[in-house]
Amino acid sequence: MRNRLTRVLPKGMEISHFSVLNNLAWHDGEKTPAQLAETFNVTRGAMTNTLNKLVWAGYVHIRPDWDDARRKMVAISPAGRNARDDAIRAITPLISNVADELGEEQVRATLETLRALRRHAED
């Protein structure tokens, strides 16, 4: 599934890039690199690498935290929002095909489990 997903994402976009963009778009605000690293359960170094690639692509803006100069704040750019929307359009048929293969009952059960996991992770 990971390979199939990677193949349909817009050129140059990796799953990690899409995940960060999707998170920033969903929460519609700024986050620190440390918060993003914790959200995705990766090291700060790994998140810095991903963010550097997203900055280079013009998909995120990183600015200093005005209250604490040691921290940075990350926000999605308009180009990043467009790239995220393009990625969603690209993966929708793939997700629809998988959902069709699994059947409605199994998809509903899986979604409920994923929602429970998300609620647990956010606590």
PDB file of N, CA and C in Angstrom:
ATOM      1  N   MET A   1       0.834  -1.195   0.000  1.00  0.00           N
ATOM      2  CA  MET A   1       0.000   0.000   0.000  1.00  0.00           C
ATOM      3  C   MET A   1       0.874   1.252   0.000  1.00  0.00           C
ATOM      4  N   ARG A   2       1.957   1.222   0.783  1.00  0.00           N
ATOM      5  CA  ARG A   2       2.855   2.378   0.859  1.00  0.00           C
ATOM      6  C   ARG A   2       3.430   2.710  -0.521  1.00  0.00           C
ATOM      7  N   ASN A   3       3.844   1.689  -1.254  1.00  0.00           N
ATOM      8  CA  ASN A   3       4.386   1.902  -2.599  1.00  0.00           C
ATOM      9  C   ASN A   3       3.331   2.470  -3.542  1.00  0.00           C
ATOM     10  N   ARG A   4       2.126   1.942  -3.462  1.00  0.00           N
ATOM     11  CA  ARG A   4       1.048   2.441  -4.320  1.00  0.00           C
ATOM     12  C   ARG A   4       0.731   3.890  -4.001  1.00  0.00           C
ATOM     13  N   LEU A   5       0.738   4.227  -2.725  1.00  0.00           N
ATOM     14  CA  LEU A   5       0.463   5.596  -2.300  1.00  0.00           C
ATOM     15  C   LEU A   5       1.563   6.536  -2.789  1.00  0.00           C
ATOM     16  N   THR A   6       2.808   6.127  -2.634  1.00  0.00           N
ATOM     17  CA  THR A   6       3.934   6.952  -3.073  1.00  0.00           C
ATOM     18  C   THR A   6       3.866   7.226  -4.574  1.00  0.00           C
ATOM     19  N   ARG A   7       3.461   6.220  -5.352  1.00  0.00           N
ATOM     20  CA  ARG A   7       3.392   6.376  -6.808  1.00  0.00           C
ATOM     21  C   ARG A   7       2.350   7.387  -7.260  1.00  0.00           C
ATOM     22  N   VAL A   8       1.261   7.550  -6.511  1.00  0.00           N
ATOM     23  CA  VAL A   8       0.209   8.465  -6.963  1.00  0.00           C
ATOM     24  C   VAL A   8       0.359   9.878  -6.400  1.00  0.00           C
ATOM     25  N   LEU A   9       1.234  10.070  -5.426  1.00  0.00           N
ATOM     26  CA  LEU A   9       1.440  11.423  -4.894  1.00  0.00           C
ATOM     27  C   LEU A   9       2.056  12.311  -5.967  1.00  0.00           C
ATOM     28  N   PRO A  10       1.805  13.629  -5.888  1.00  0.00           N
ATOM     29  CA  PRO A  10       2.408  14.545  -6.863  1.00  0.00           C
ATOM     30  C   PRO A  10       3.931  14.398  -6.902  1.00  0.00           C
ATOM     31  N   LYS A  11       4.517  14.687  -8.051  1.00  0.00           N
ATOM     32  CA  LYS A  11       5.957  14.515  -8.272  1.00  0.00           C
ATOM     33  C   LYS A  11       6.774  15.181  -7.161  1.00  0.00           C
ATOM     34  N   GLY A  12       7.693  14.399  -6.607  1.00  0.00           N
ATOM     35  CA  GLY A  12       8.593  14.915  -5.585  1.00  0.00           C
ATOM     36  C   GLY A  12       8.050  14.850  -4.172  1.00  0.00           C
ATOM     37  N   MET A  13       6.763  14.563  -4.004  1.00  0.00           N
ATOM     38  CA  MET A  13       6.181  14.516  -2.672  1.00  0.00           C
ATOM     39  C   MET A  13       6.314  13.118  -2.087  1.00  0.00           C
ATOM     40  N   GLU A  14       6.758  13.072  -0.854  1.00  0.00           N
ATOM     41  CA  GLU A  14       6.859  11.819  -0.133  1.00  0.00           C
ATOM     42  C   GLU A  14       5.705  11.725   0.863  1.00  0.00           C
ATOM     43  N   ILE A  15       5.458  10.535   1.359  1.00  0.00           N
ATOM     44  CA  ILE A  15       4.366  10.345   2.320  1.00  0.00           C
ATOM     45  C   ILE A  15       4.589  11.227   3.551  1.00  0.00           C
ATOM     46  N   SER A  16       5.823  11.330   4.006  1.00  0.00           N
ATOM     47  CA  SER A  16       6.106  12.170   5.177  1.00  0.00           C
ATOM     48  C   SER A  16       5.783  13.634   4.900  1.00  0.00           C
ATOM     49  N   HIS A  17       6.046  14.102   3.685  1.00  0.00           N
ATOM     50  CA  HIS A  17       5.726  15.484   3.328  1.00  0.00           C
ATOM     51  C   HIS A  17       4.217  15.693   3.364  1.00  0.00           C
ATOM     52  N   PHE A  18       3.497  14.773   2.728  1.00  0.00           N
ATOM     53  CA  PHE A  18       2.035  14.874   2.727  1.00  0.00           C
ATOM     54  C   PHE A  18       1.488  14.848   4.144  1.00  0.00           C
ATOM     55  N   SER A  19       2.022  13.977   4.981  1.00  0.00           N
ATOM     56  CA  SER A  19       1.527  13.847   6.352  1.00  0.00           C
ATOM     57  C   SER A  19       1.683  15.146   7.125  1.00  0.00           C
ATOM     58  N   VAL A  20       2.843  15.790   6.995  1.00  0.00           N
ATOM     59  CA  VAL A  20       3.075  17.059   7.702  1.00  0.00           C
ATOM     60  C   VAL A  20       2.157  18.146   7.143  1.00  0.00           C
ATOM     61  N   LEU A  21       2.068  18.236   5.833  1.00  0.00           N
ATOM     62  CA  LEU A  21       1.185  19.240   5.224  1.00  0.00           C
ATOM     63  C   LEU A  21      -0.265  19.025   5.637  1.00  0.00           C
ATOM     64  N   ASN A  22      -0.695  17.779   5.642  1.00  0.00           N
ATOM     65  CA  ASN A  22      -2.066  17.466   6.017  1.00  0.00           C
ATOM     66  C   ASN A  22      -2.329  17.848   7.474  1.00  0.00           C
ATOM     67  N   ASN A  23      -1.370  17.565   8.346  1.00  0.00           N
ATOM     68  CA  ASN A  23      -1.516  17.912   9.755  1.00  0.00           C
ATOM     69  C   ASN A  23      -1.607  19.422   9.936  1.00  0.00           C
ATOM     70  N   LEU A  24      -0.727  20.162   9.273  1.00  0.00           N
ATOM     71  CA  LEU A  24      -0.746  21.619   9.401  1.00  0.00           C
ATOM     72  C   LEU A  24      -2.031  22.209   8.825  1.00  0.00           C
ATOM     73  N   ALA A  25      -2.505  21.658   7.719  1.00  0.00           N
ATOM     74  CA  ALA A  25      -3.754  22.146   7.119  1.00  0.00           C
ATOM     75  C   ALA A  25      -4.943  21.819   8.010  1.00  0.00           C
ATOM     76  N   TRP A  26      -4.938  20.634   8.587  1.00  0.00           N
ATOM     77  CA  TRP A  26      -6.047  20.186   9.424  1.00  0.00           C
ATOM     78  C   TRP A  26      -6.175  21.042  10.682  1.00  0.00           C
ATOM     79  N   HIS A  27      -5.042  21.343  11.310  1.00  0.00           N
ATOM     80  CA  HIS A  27      -5.054  22.113  12.559  1.00  0.00           C
ATOM     81  C   HIS A  27      -5.009  23.617  12.315  1.00  0.00           C
ATOM     82  N   ASP A  28      -4.755  24.018  11.080  1.00  0.00           N
ATOM     83  CA  ASP A  28      -4.835  25.409  10.645  1.00  0.00           C
ATOM     84  C   ASP A  28      -4.193  26.389  11.628  1.00  0.00           C
ATOM     85  N   GLY A  29      -2.927  26.168  11.876  1.00  0.00           N
ATOM     86  CA  GLY A  29      -2.195  27.071  12.745  1.00  0.00           C
ATOM     87  C   GLY A  29      -0.730  26.730  12.686  1.00  0.00           C
ATOM     88  N   GLU A  30       0.010  27.277  13.619  1.00  0.00           N
ATOM     89  CA  GLU A  30       1.441  27.017  13.669  1.00  0.00           C
ATOM     90  C   GLU A  30       1.750  25.941  14.702  1.00  0.00           C
ATOM     91  N   LYS A  31       2.830  25.221  14.440  1.00  0.00           N
ATOM     92  CA  LYS A  31       3.338  24.231  15.383  1.00  0.00           C
ATOM     93  C   LYS A  31       4.847  24.351  15.417  1.00  0.00           C
ATOM     94  N   THR A  32       5.431  23.905  16.503  1.00  0.00           N
ATOM     95  CA  THR A  32       6.885  23.865  16.568  1.00  0.00           C
ATOM     96  C   THR A  32       7.368  22.571  15.909  1.00  0.00           C
ATOM     97  N   PRO A  33       8.613  22.554  15.448  1.00  0.00           N
ATOM     98  CA  PRO A  33       9.158  21.302  14.920  1.00  0.00           C
ATOM     99  C   PRO A  33       9.092  20.175  15.965  1.00  0.00           C
ATOM    100  N   ALA A  34       9.300  20.506  17.228  1.00  0.00           N
ATOM    101  CA  ALA A  34       9.228  19.487  18.288  1.00  0.00           C
ATOM    102  C   ALA A  34       7.825  18.911  18.402  1.00  0.00           C
ATOM    103  N   GLN A  35       6.812  19.753  18.294  1.00  0.00           N
ATOM    104  CA  GLN A  35       5.430  19.258  18.344  1.00  0.00           C
ATOM    105  C   GLN A  35       5.150  18.333  17.172  1.00  0.00           C
ATOM    106  N   LEU A  36       5.622  18.709  15.991  1.00  0.00           N
ATOM    107  CA  LEU A  36       5.419  17.859  14.819  1.00  0.00           C
ATOM    108  C   LEU A  36       6.154  16.541  14.969  1.00  0.00           C
ATOM    109  N   ALA A  37       7.384  16.589  15.475  1.00  0.00           N
ATOM    110  CA  ALA A  37       8.148  15.355  15.690  1.00  0.00           C
ATOM    111  C   ALA A  37       7.410  14.431  16.646  1.00  0.00           C
ATOM    112  N   GLU A  38       6.856  14.996  17.706  1.00  0.00           N
ATOM    113  CA  GLU A  38       6.108  14.184  18.671  1.00  0.00           C
ATOM    114  C   GLU A  38       4.842  13.616  18.038  1.00  0.00           C
ATOM    115  N   THR A  39       4.150  14.423  17.269  1.00  0.00           N
ATOM    116  CA  THR A  39       2.928  13.965  16.604  1.00  0.00           C
ATOM    117  C   THR A  39       3.188  12.749  15.727  1.00  0.00           C
ATOM    118  N   PHE A  40       4.310  12.774  14.995  1.00  0.00           N
ATOM    119  CA  PHE A  40       4.615  11.701  14.053  1.00  0.00           C
ATOM    120  C   PHE A  40       5.570  10.654  14.621  1.00  0.00           C
ATOM    121  N   ASN A  41       5.905  10.813  15.900  1.00  0.00           N
ATOM    122  CA  ASN A  41       6.768   9.853  16.585  1.00  0.00           C
ATOM    123  C   ASN A  41       8.085   9.632  15.827  1.00  0.00           C
ATOM    124  N   VAL A  42       8.711  10.755  15.466  1.00  0.00           N
ATOM    125  CA  VAL A  42      10.020  10.721  14.827  1.00  0.00           C
ATOM    126  C   VAL A  42      10.962  11.615  15.625  1.00  0.00           C
ATOM    127  N   THR A  43      12.243  11.497  15.351  1.00  0.00           N
ATOM    128  CA  THR A  43      13.215  12.344  16.042  1.00  0.00           C
ATOM    129  C   THR A  43      13.092  13.784  15.539  1.00  0.00           C
ATOM    130  N   ARG A  44      13.600  14.695  16.334  1.00  0.00           N
ATOM    131  CA  ARG A  44      13.602  16.096  15.897  1.00  0.00           C
ATOM    132  C   ARG A  44      14.455  16.262  14.650  1.00  0.00           C
ATOM    133  N   GLY A  45      15.553  15.497  14.571  1.00  0.00           N
ATOM    134  CA  GLY A  45      16.408  15.555  13.384  1.00  0.00           C
ATOM    135  C   GLY A  45      15.682  15.112  12.137  1.00  0.00           C
ATOM    136  N   ALA A  46      14.905  14.037  12.243  1.00  0.00           N
ATOM    137  CA  ALA A  46      14.128  13.551  11.099  1.00  0.00           C
ATOM    138  C   ALA A  46      13.091  14.593  10.688  1.00  0.00           C
ATOM    139  N   MET A  47      12.451  15.222  11.671  1.00  0.00           N
ATOM    140  CA  MET A  47      11.452  16.242  11.349  1.00  0.00           C
ATOM    141  C   MET A  47      12.119  17.460  10.722  1.00  0.00           C
ATOM    142  N   THR A  48      13.292  17.839  11.222  1.00  0.00           N
ATOM    143  CA  THR A  48      14.018  18.964  10.636  1.00  0.00           C
ATOM    144  C   THR A  48      14.339  18.685   9.175  1.00  0.00           C
ATOM    145  N   ASN A  49      14.746  17.459   8.870  1.00  0.00           N
ATOM    146  CA  ASN A  49      15.039  17.072   7.493  1.00  0.00           C
ATOM    147  C   ASN A  49      13.792  17.216   6.619  1.00  0.00           C
ATOM    148  N   THR A  50      12.669  16.710   7.094  1.00  0.00           N
ATOM    149  CA  THR A  50      11.414  16.817   6.340  1.00  0.00           C
ATOM    150  C   THR A  50      11.027  18.278   6.153  1.00  0.00           C
ATOM    151  N   LEU A  51      11.122  19.063   7.226  1.00  0.00           N
ATOM    152  CA  LEU A  51      10.746  20.477   7.141  1.00  0.00           C
ATOM    153  C   LEU A  51      11.657  21.245   6.182  1.00  0.00           C
ATOM    154  N   ASN A  52      12.945  20.924   6.177  1.00  0.00           N
ATOM    155  CA  ASN A  52      13.859  21.592   5.247  1.00  0.00           C
ATOM    156  C   ASN A  52      13.450  21.330   3.797  1.00  0.00           C
ATOM    157  N   LYS A  53      13.032  20.113   3.507  1.00  0.00           N
ATOM    158  CA  LYS A  53      12.574  19.786   2.152  1.00  0.00           C
ATOM    159  C   LYS A  53      11.288  20.538   1.817  1.00  0.00           C
ATOM    160  N   LEU A  54      10.404  20.667   2.802  1.00  0.00           N
ATOM    161  CA  LEU A  54       9.144  21.388   2.581  1.00  0.00           C
ATOM    162  C   LEU A  54       9.383  22.887   2.409  1.00  0.00           C
ATOM    163  N   VAL A  55      10.346  23.442   3.137  1.00  0.00           N
ATOM    164  CA  VAL A  55      10.712  24.857   2.966  1.00  0.00           C
ATOM    165  C   VAL A  55      11.271  25.062   1.568  1.00  0.00           C
ATOM    166  N   TRP A  56      12.182  24.176   1.153  1.00  0.00           N
ATOM    167  CA  TRP A  56      12.786  24.279  -0.159  1.00  0.00           C
ATOM    168  C   TRP A  56      11.725  24.253  -1.263  1.00  0.00           C
ATOM    169  N   ALA A  57      10.696  23.435  -1.079  1.00  0.00           N
ATOM    170  CA  ALA A  57       9.608  23.335  -2.065  1.00  0.00           C
ATOM    171  C   ALA A  57       8.641  24.518  -1.968  1.00  0.00           C
ATOM    172  N   GLY A  58       8.763  25.326  -0.914  1.00  0.00           N
ATOM    173  CA  GLY A  58       7.864  26.459  -0.730  1.00  0.00           C
ATOM    174  C   GLY A  58       6.546  26.088  -0.083  1.00  0.00           C
ATOM    175  N   TYR A  59       6.491  24.905   0.554  1.00  0.00           N
ATOM    176  CA  TYR A  59       5.235  24.404   1.113  1.00  0.00           C
ATOM    177  C   TYR A  59       4.982  24.832   2.557  1.00  0.00           C
ATOM    178  N   VAL A  60       6.031  25.203   3.272  1.00  0.00           N
ATOM    179  CA  VAL A  60       5.861  25.684   4.646  1.00  0.00           C
ATOM    180  C   VAL A  60       6.723  26.922   4.856  1.00  0.00           C
ATOM    181  N   HIS A  61       6.334  27.702   5.849  1.00  0.00           N
ATOM    182  CA  HIS A  61       7.114  28.848   6.304  1.00  0.00           C
ATOM    183  C   HIS A  61       7.571  28.546   7.720  1.00  0.00           C
ATOM    184  N   ILE A  62       8.815  28.848   8.012  1.00  0.00           N
ATOM    185  CA  ILE A  62       9.335  28.689   9.372  1.00  0.00           C
ATOM    186  C   ILE A  62       9.824  30.055   9.831  1.00  0.00           C
ATOM    187  N   ARG A  63       9.362  30.445  11.005  1.00  0.00           N
ATOM    188  CA  ARG A  63       9.755  31.740  11.565  1.00  0.00           C
ATOM    189  C   ARG A  63      10.197  31.543  13.003  1.00  0.00           C
ATOM    190  N   PRO A  64      10.944  32.506  13.537  1.00  0.00           N
ATOM    191  CA  PRO A  64      11.306  32.403  14.954  1.00  0.00           C
ATOM    192  C   PRO A  64      10.065  32.611  15.830  1.00  0.00           C
ATOM    193  N   ASP A  65      10.069  32.001  16.983  1.00  0.00           N
ATOM    194  CA  ASP A  65       9.012  32.246  17.977  1.00  0.00           C
ATOM    195  C   ASP A  65       9.346  33.575  18.639  1.00  0.00           C
ATOM    196  N   TRP A  66       8.446  34.517  18.550  1.00  0.00           N
ATOM    197  CA  TRP A  66       8.731  35.857  19.066  1.00  0.00           C
ATOM    198  C   TRP A  66       8.855  35.867  20.581  1.00  0.00           C
ATOM    199  N   ASP A  67       8.282  34.884  21.260  1.00  0.00           N
ATOM    200  CA  ASP A  67       8.357  34.820  22.727  1.00  0.00           C
ATOM    201  C   ASP A  67       9.568  34.046  23.220  1.00  0.00           C
ATOM    202  N   ASP A  68      10.115  33.168  22.399  1.00  0.00           N
ATOM    203  CA  ASP A  68      11.254  32.346  22.797  1.00  0.00           C
ATOM    204  C   ASP A  68      12.134  32.138  21.564  1.00  0.00           C
ATOM    205  N   ALA A  69      13.214  32.900  21.471  1.00  0.00           N
ATOM    206  CA  ALA A  69      14.057  32.893  20.281  1.00  0.00           C
ATOM    207  C   ALA A  69      14.705  31.540  20.010  1.00  0.00           C
ATOM    208  N   ARG A  70      14.689  30.643  20.985  1.00  0.00           N
ATOM    209  CA  ARG A  70      15.258  29.310  20.766  1.00  0.00           C
ATOM    210  C   ARG A  70      14.340  28.423  19.947  1.00  0.00           C
ATOM    211  N   ARG A  71      13.061  28.765  19.893  1.00  0.00           N
ATOM    212  CA  ARG A  71      12.086  27.934  19.178  1.00  0.00           C
ATOM    213  C   ARG A  71      11.751  28.526  17.824  1.00  0.00           C
ATOM    214  N   LYS A  72      11.236  27.650  16.950  1.00  0.00           N
ATOM    215  CA  LYS A  72      10.741  28.063  15.644  1.00  0.00           C
ATOM    216  C   LYS A  72       9.276  27.660  15.531  1.00  0.00           C
ATOM    217  N   MET A  73       8.573  28.342  14.658  1.00  0.00           N
ATOM    218  CA  MET A  73       7.174  28.035  14.409  1.00  0.00           C
ATOM    219  C   MET A  73       7.012  27.706  12.923  1.00  0.00           C
ATOM    220  N   VAL A  74       6.234  26.670  12.651  1.00  0.00           N
ATOM    221  CA  VAL A  74       6.027  26.176  11.284  1.00  0.00           C
ATOM    222  C   VAL A  74       4.565  26.378  10.906  1.00  0.00           C
ATOM    223  N   ALA A  75       4.346  26.909   9.707  1.00  0.00           N
ATOM    224  CA  ALA A  75       2.985  27.079   9.182  1.00  0.00           C
ATOM    225  C   ALA A  75       2.971  26.658   7.719  1.00  0.00           C
ATOM    226  N   ILE A  76       1.834  26.158   7.289  1.00  0.00           N
ATOM    227  CA  ILE A  76       1.678  25.770   5.887  1.00  0.00           C
ATOM    228  C   ILE A  76       1.522  27.031   5.039  1.00  0.00           C
ATOM    229  N   SER A  77       2.128  27.028   3.860  1.00  0.00           N
ATOM    230  CA  SER A  77       2.014  28.158   2.938  1.00  0.00           C
ATOM    231  C   SER A  77       0.843  27.913   1.985  1.00  0.00           C
ATOM    232  N   PRO A  78       0.419  28.943   1.258  1.00  0.00           N
ATOM    233  CA  PRO A  78      -0.625  28.709   0.246  1.00  0.00           C
ATOM    234  C   PRO A  78      -0.208  27.636  -0.775  1.00  0.00           C
ATOM    235  N   ALA A  79       1.056  27.630  -1.180  1.00  0.00           N
ATOM    236  CA  ALA A  79       1.533  26.595  -2.110  1.00  0.00           C
ATOM    237  C   ALA A  79       1.470  25.218  -1.457  1.00  0.00           C
ATOM    238  N   GLY A  80       1.760  25.147  -0.161  1.00  0.00           N
ATOM    239  CA  GLY A  80       1.679  23.890   0.570  1.00  0.00           C
ATOM    240  C   GLY A  80       0.250  23.386   0.660  1.00  0.00           C
ATOM    241  N   ARG A  81      -0.673  24.303   0.880  1.00  0.00           N
ATOM    242  CA  ARG A  81      -2.092  23.926   0.936  1.00  0.00           C
ATOM    243  C   ARG A  81      -2.536  23.388  -0.426  1.00  0.00           C
ATOM    244  N   ASN A  82      -2.089  24.032  -1.506  1.00  0.00           N
ATOM    245  CA  ASN A  82      -2.424  23.552  -2.853  1.00  0.00           C
ATOM    246  C   ASN A  82      -1.820  22.180  -3.113  1.00  0.00           C
ATOM    247  N   ALA A  83      -0.572  21.992  -2.702  1.00  0.00           N
ATOM    248  CA  ALA A  83       0.096  20.693  -2.889  1.00  0.00           C
ATOM    249  C   ALA A  83      -0.625  19.608  -2.102  1.00  0.00           C
ATOM    250  N   ARG A  84      -1.031  19.932  -0.893  1.00  0.00           N
ATOM    251  CA  ARG A  84      -1.772  18.973  -0.064  1.00  0.00           C
ATOM    252  C   ARG A  84      -3.105  18.626  -0.729  1.00  0.00           C
ATOM    253  N   ASP A  85      -3.803  19.629  -1.248  1.00  0.00           N
ATOM    254  CA  ASP A  85      -5.081  19.384  -1.929  1.00  0.00           C
ATOM    255  C   ASP A  85      -4.882  18.530  -3.182  1.00  0.00           C
ATOM    256  N   ASP A  86      -3.794  18.793  -3.927  1.00  0.00           N
ATOM    257  CA  ASP A  86      -3.477  17.980  -5.107  1.00  0.00           C
ATOM    258  C   ASP A  86      -3.225  16.529  -4.700  1.00  0.00           C
ATOM    259  N   ALA A  87      -2.505  16.358  -3.592  1.00  0.00           N
ATOM    260  CA  ALA A  87      -2.204  15.004  -3.112  1.00  0.00           C
ATOM    261  C   ALA A  87      -3.485  14.280  -2.713  1.00  0.00           C
ATOM    262  N   ILE A  88      -4.383  14.967  -2.057  1.00  0.00           N
ATOM    263  CA  ILE A  88      -5.653  14.338  -1.659  1.00  0.00           C
ATOM    264  C   ILE A  88      -6.434  13.905  -2.896  1.00  0.00           C
ATOM    265  N   ARG A  89      -6.460  14.777  -3.909  1.00  0.00           N
ATOM    266  CA  ARG A  89      -7.150  14.406  -5.152  1.00  0.00           C
ATOM    267  C   ARG A  89      -6.478  13.188  -5.797  1.00  0.00           C
ATOM    268  N   ALA A  90      -5.160  13.098  -5.699  1.00  0.00           N
ATOM    269  CA  ALA A  90      -4.430  11.987  -6.316  1.00  0.00           C
ATOM    270  C   ALA A  90      -4.647  10.671  -5.579  1.00  0.00           C
ATOM    271  N   ILE A  91      -4.762  10.720  -4.250  1.00  0.00           N
ATOM    272  CA  ILE A  91      -4.889   9.470  -3.494  1.00  0.00           C
ATOM    273  C   ILE A  91      -6.335   9.023  -3.317  1.00  0.00           C
ATOM    274  N   THR A  92      -7.289   9.901  -3.561  1.00  0.00           N
ATOM    275  CA  THR A  92      -8.698   9.544  -3.367  1.00  0.00           C
ATOM    276  C   THR A  92      -9.113   8.301  -4.152  1.00  0.00           C
ATOM    277  N   PRO A  93      -8.778   8.185  -5.440  1.00  0.00           N
ATOM    278  CA  PRO A  93      -9.170   6.961  -6.160  1.00  0.00           C
ATOM    279  C   PRO A  93      -8.533   5.700  -5.561  1.00  0.00           C
ATOM    280  N   LEU A  94      -7.296   5.801  -5.114  1.00  0.00           N
ATOM    281  CA  LEU A  94      -6.619   4.656  -4.509  1.00  0.00           C
ATOM    282  C   LEU A  94      -7.341   4.231  -3.229  1.00  0.00           C
ATOM    283  N   ILE A  95      -7.676   5.183  -2.392  1.00  0.00           N
ATOM    284  CA  ILE A  95      -8.384   4.890  -1.140  1.00  0.00           C
ATOM    285  C   ILE A  95      -9.768   4.327  -1.445  1.00  0.00           C
ATOM    286  N   SER A  96     -10.431   4.887  -2.437  1.00  0.00           N
ATOM    287  CA  SER A  96     -11.763   4.386  -2.825  1.00  0.00           C
ATOM    288  C   SER A  96     -11.701   2.940  -3.287  1.00  0.00           C
ATOM    289  N   ASN A  97     -10.659   2.612  -4.050  1.00  0.00           N
ATOM    290  CA  ASN A  97     -10.510   1.229  -4.522  1.00  0.00           C
ATOM    291  C   ASN A  97     -10.295   0.267  -3.354  1.00  0.00           C
ATOM    292  N   VAL A  98      -9.467   0.655  -2.419  1.00  0.00           N
ATOM    293  CA  VAL A  98      -9.220  -0.185  -1.242  1.00  0.00           C
ATOM    294  C   VAL A  98     -10.509  -0.344  -0.441  1.00  0.00           C
ATOM    295  N   ALA A  99     -11.245   0.747  -0.269  1.00  0.00           N
ATOM    296  CA  ALA A  99     -12.508   0.689   0.474  1.00  0.00           C
ATOM    297  C   ALA A  99     -13.499  -0.230  -0.227  1.00  0.00           C
ATOM    298  N   ASP A 100     -13.546  -0.167  -1.542  1.00  0.00           N
ATOM    299  CA  ASP A 100     -14.439  -1.053  -2.300  1.00  0.00           C
ATOM    300  C   ASP A 100     -14.046  -2.511  -2.115  1.00  0.00           C
ATOM    301  N   GLU A 101     -12.733  -2.783  -2.122  1.00  0.00           N
ATOM    302  CA  GLU A 101     -12.249  -4.154  -1.949  1.00  0.00           C
ATOM    303  C   GLU A 101     -12.571  -4.692  -0.558  1.00  0.00           C
ATOM    304  N   LEU A 102     -12.449  -3.840   0.454  1.00  0.00           N
ATOM    305  CA  LEU A 102     -12.699  -4.281   1.833  1.00  0.00           C
ATOM    306  C   LEU A 102     -14.184  -4.429   2.137  1.00  0.00           C
ATOM    307  N   GLY A 103     -14.986  -3.581   1.559  1.00  0.00           N
ATOM    308  CA  GLY A 103     -16.416  -3.597   1.838  1.00  0.00           C
ATOM    309  C   GLY A 103     -16.769  -2.592   2.927  1.00  0.00           C
ATOM    310  N   GLU A 104     -18.000  -2.117   2.866  1.00  0.00           N
ATOM    311  CA  GLU A 104     -18.461  -1.053   3.756  1.00  0.00           C
ATOM    312  C   GLU A 104     -18.346  -1.426   5.235  1.00  0.00           C
ATOM    313  N   GLU A 105     -18.729  -2.635   5.592  1.00  0.00           N
ATOM    314  CA  GLU A 105     -18.721  -3.042   7.000  1.00  0.00           C
ATOM    315  C   GLU A 105     -17.304  -3.008   7.585  1.00  0.00           C
ATOM    316  N   GLN A 106     -16.362  -3.557   6.847  1.00  0.00           N
ATOM    317  CA  GLN A 106     -14.983  -3.582   7.336  1.00  0.00           C
ATOM    318  C   GLN A 106     -14.386  -2.172   7.387  1.00  0.00           C
ATOM    319  N   VAL A 107     -14.717  -1.325   6.423  1.00  0.00           N
ATOM    320  CA  VAL A 107     -14.214   0.053   6.425  1.00  0.00           C
ATOM    321  C   VAL A 107     -14.753   0.804   7.638  1.00  0.00           C
ATOM    322  N   ARG A 108     -16.047   0.662   7.923  1.00  0.00           N
ATOM    323  CA  ARG A 108     -16.633   1.334   9.093  1.00  0.00           C
ATOM    324  C   ARG A 108     -15.967   0.873  10.392  1.00  0.00           C
ATOM    325  N   ALA A 109     -15.728  -0.418  10.510  1.00  0.00           N
ATOM    326  CA  ALA A 109     -15.071  -0.943  11.715  1.00  0.00           C
ATOM    327  C   ALA A 109     -13.640  -0.411  11.829  1.00  0.00           C
ATOM    328  N   THR A 110     -12.949  -0.370  10.709  1.00  0.00           N
ATOM    329  CA  THR A 110     -11.572   0.128  10.705  1.00  0.00           C
ATOM    330  C   THR A 110     -11.532   1.607  11.066  1.00  0.00           C
ATOM    331  N   LEU A 111     -12.442   2.385  10.513  1.00  0.00           N
ATOM    332  CA  LEU A 111     -12.476   3.817  10.820  1.00  0.00           C
ATOM    333  C   LEU A 111     -12.735   4.052  12.306  1.00  0.00           C
ATOM    334  N   GLU A 112     -13.624   3.277  12.884  1.00  0.00           N
ATOM    335  CA  GLU A 112     -13.904   3.439  14.320  1.00  0.00           C
ATOM    336  C   GLU A 112     -12.661   3.124  15.147  1.00  0.00           C
ATOM    337  N   THR A 113     -11.938   2.081  14.765  1.00  0.00           N
ATOM    338  CA  THR A 113     -10.700   1.731  15.466  1.00  0.00           C
ATOM    339  C   THR A 113      -9.667   2.848  15.310  1.00  0.00           C
ATOM    340  N   LEU A 114      -9.523   3.381  14.107  1.00  0.00           N
ATOM    341  CA  LEU A 114      -8.570   4.471  13.878  1.00  0.00           C
ATOM    342  C   LEU A 114      -8.946   5.726  14.675  1.00  0.00           C
ATOM    343  N   ARG A 115     -10.235   6.015  14.750  1.00  0.00           N
ATOM    344  CA  ARG A 115     -10.683   7.171  15.548  1.00  0.00           C
ATOM    345  C   ARG A 115     -10.356   6.976  17.024  1.00  0.00           C
ATOM    346  N   ALA A 116     -10.569   5.768  17.522  1.00  0.00           N
ATOM    347  CA  ALA A 116     -10.251   5.472  18.928  1.00  0.00           C
ATOM    348  C   ALA A 116      -8.751   5.619  19.180  1.00  0.00           C
ATOM    349  N   LEU A 117      -7.946   5.122  18.258  1.00  0.00           N
ATOM    350  CA  LEU A 117      -6.491   5.272  18.388  1.00  0.00           C
ATOM    351  C   LEU A 117      -6.085   6.737  18.395  1.00  0.00           C
ATOM    352  N   ARG A 118      -6.714   7.516  17.539  1.00  0.00           N
ATOM    353  CA  ARG A 118      -6.403   8.952  17.471  1.00  0.00           C
ATOM    354  C   ARG A 118      -6.783   9.652  18.776  1.00  0.00           C
ATOM    355  N   ARG A 119      -7.976   9.358  19.288  1.00  0.00           N
ATOM    356  CA  ARG A 119      -8.394   9.969  20.561  1.00  0.00           C
ATOM    357  C   ARG A 119      -7.424   9.600  21.670  1.00  0.00           C
ATOM    358  N   HIS A 120      -7.022   8.352  21.703  1.00  0.00           N
ATOM    359  CA  HIS A 120      -6.085   7.879  22.727  1.00  0.00           C
ATOM    360  C   HIS A 120      -4.737   8.587  22.578  1.00  0.00           C
ATOM    361  N   ALA A 121      -4.271   8.737  21.365  1.00  0.00           N
ATOM    362  CA  ALA A 121      -2.968   9.376  21.125  1.00  0.00           C
ATOM    363  C   ALA A 121      -2.982  10.852  21.476  1.00  0.00           C
ATOM    364  N   GLU A 122      -4.135  11.492  21.320  1.00  0.00           N
ATOM    365  CA  GLU A 122      -4.237  12.939  21.599  1.00  0.00           C
ATOM    366  C   GLU A 122      -4.361  13.228  23.090  1.00  0.00           C
ATOM    367  N   ASP A 123      -4.705  12.223  23.881  1.00  0.00           N
ATOM    368  CA  ASP A 123      -4.847  12.432  25.337  1.00  0.00           C
ATOM    369  C   ASP A 123      -3.523  12.497  26.041  1.00  0.00           C
TER     370      ASP A 123
END
